[in-house]
Amino acid sequence: MDKPTYSQELLRKAREIKLLICDVDGVLSNGQVIIGNQGEELKTFNIKDGLGLKSLMNNKVDVAIITGRRSEIVEKRCRELGIKHCYQGQSDKVAAYEELCDKLSLEPSQVCHVGDDLPDLPLMRRSGLGVTVADGHWFVRQKADWVTSNQGGFGAVREVTDLILESKGQLEKLHQEYC
């Protein structure tokens, strides 16, 4: 896949971002919840998304999770990646969003929210940059500022982290660190 091209308006919005908030099911995972014979819940996460999230945090952009479900797997993944702001079991995602913005002293224009379905729309619409994944619900895709090329759980979040880093002039530097 070639390097993406972004509109100036998208880059302008992304340049303001100081906090990336992601939903989990359908965004960081493919949206499937697998329940084993012993009742254990399984999810898959994309390793490229993980590197992108770590790269954002290393470049002074906070990362948070706000999700309606509660899962030990999500807690573990947040610990692995160093994500300090993990709000699980949120029936009212807006309250968690506002609490987080307050805690970090951020304006909504400084927040990017990535969601995939209707419960994510209020957060996407409040944020300076509202993003959905390629397989997000059709209505959510219509309302988003940007739609990723990849589906949720398959590198979509990495596209968002690359966009934010590119807008801040930090993506090329990151790439050079690996050369």
Foldseek 3Di string as FASTA:
>chain_A
DDDDDDDPLLLVLLQLAQEEEEEPQFAQFVNDWDADPVRATDTAGDVLLLVLQLVSVVVRRAYAYAYLADHPVVVVSCVVSVRPHYHYNCPPSVVSVVVVCVVVVHQQSRYEYEDAEDSCVVSLVRHVFYEYEPNGDPVSCVVGPYYAPHIHRHCRSSVSSLSSCVSNVRNVVVVVVVD
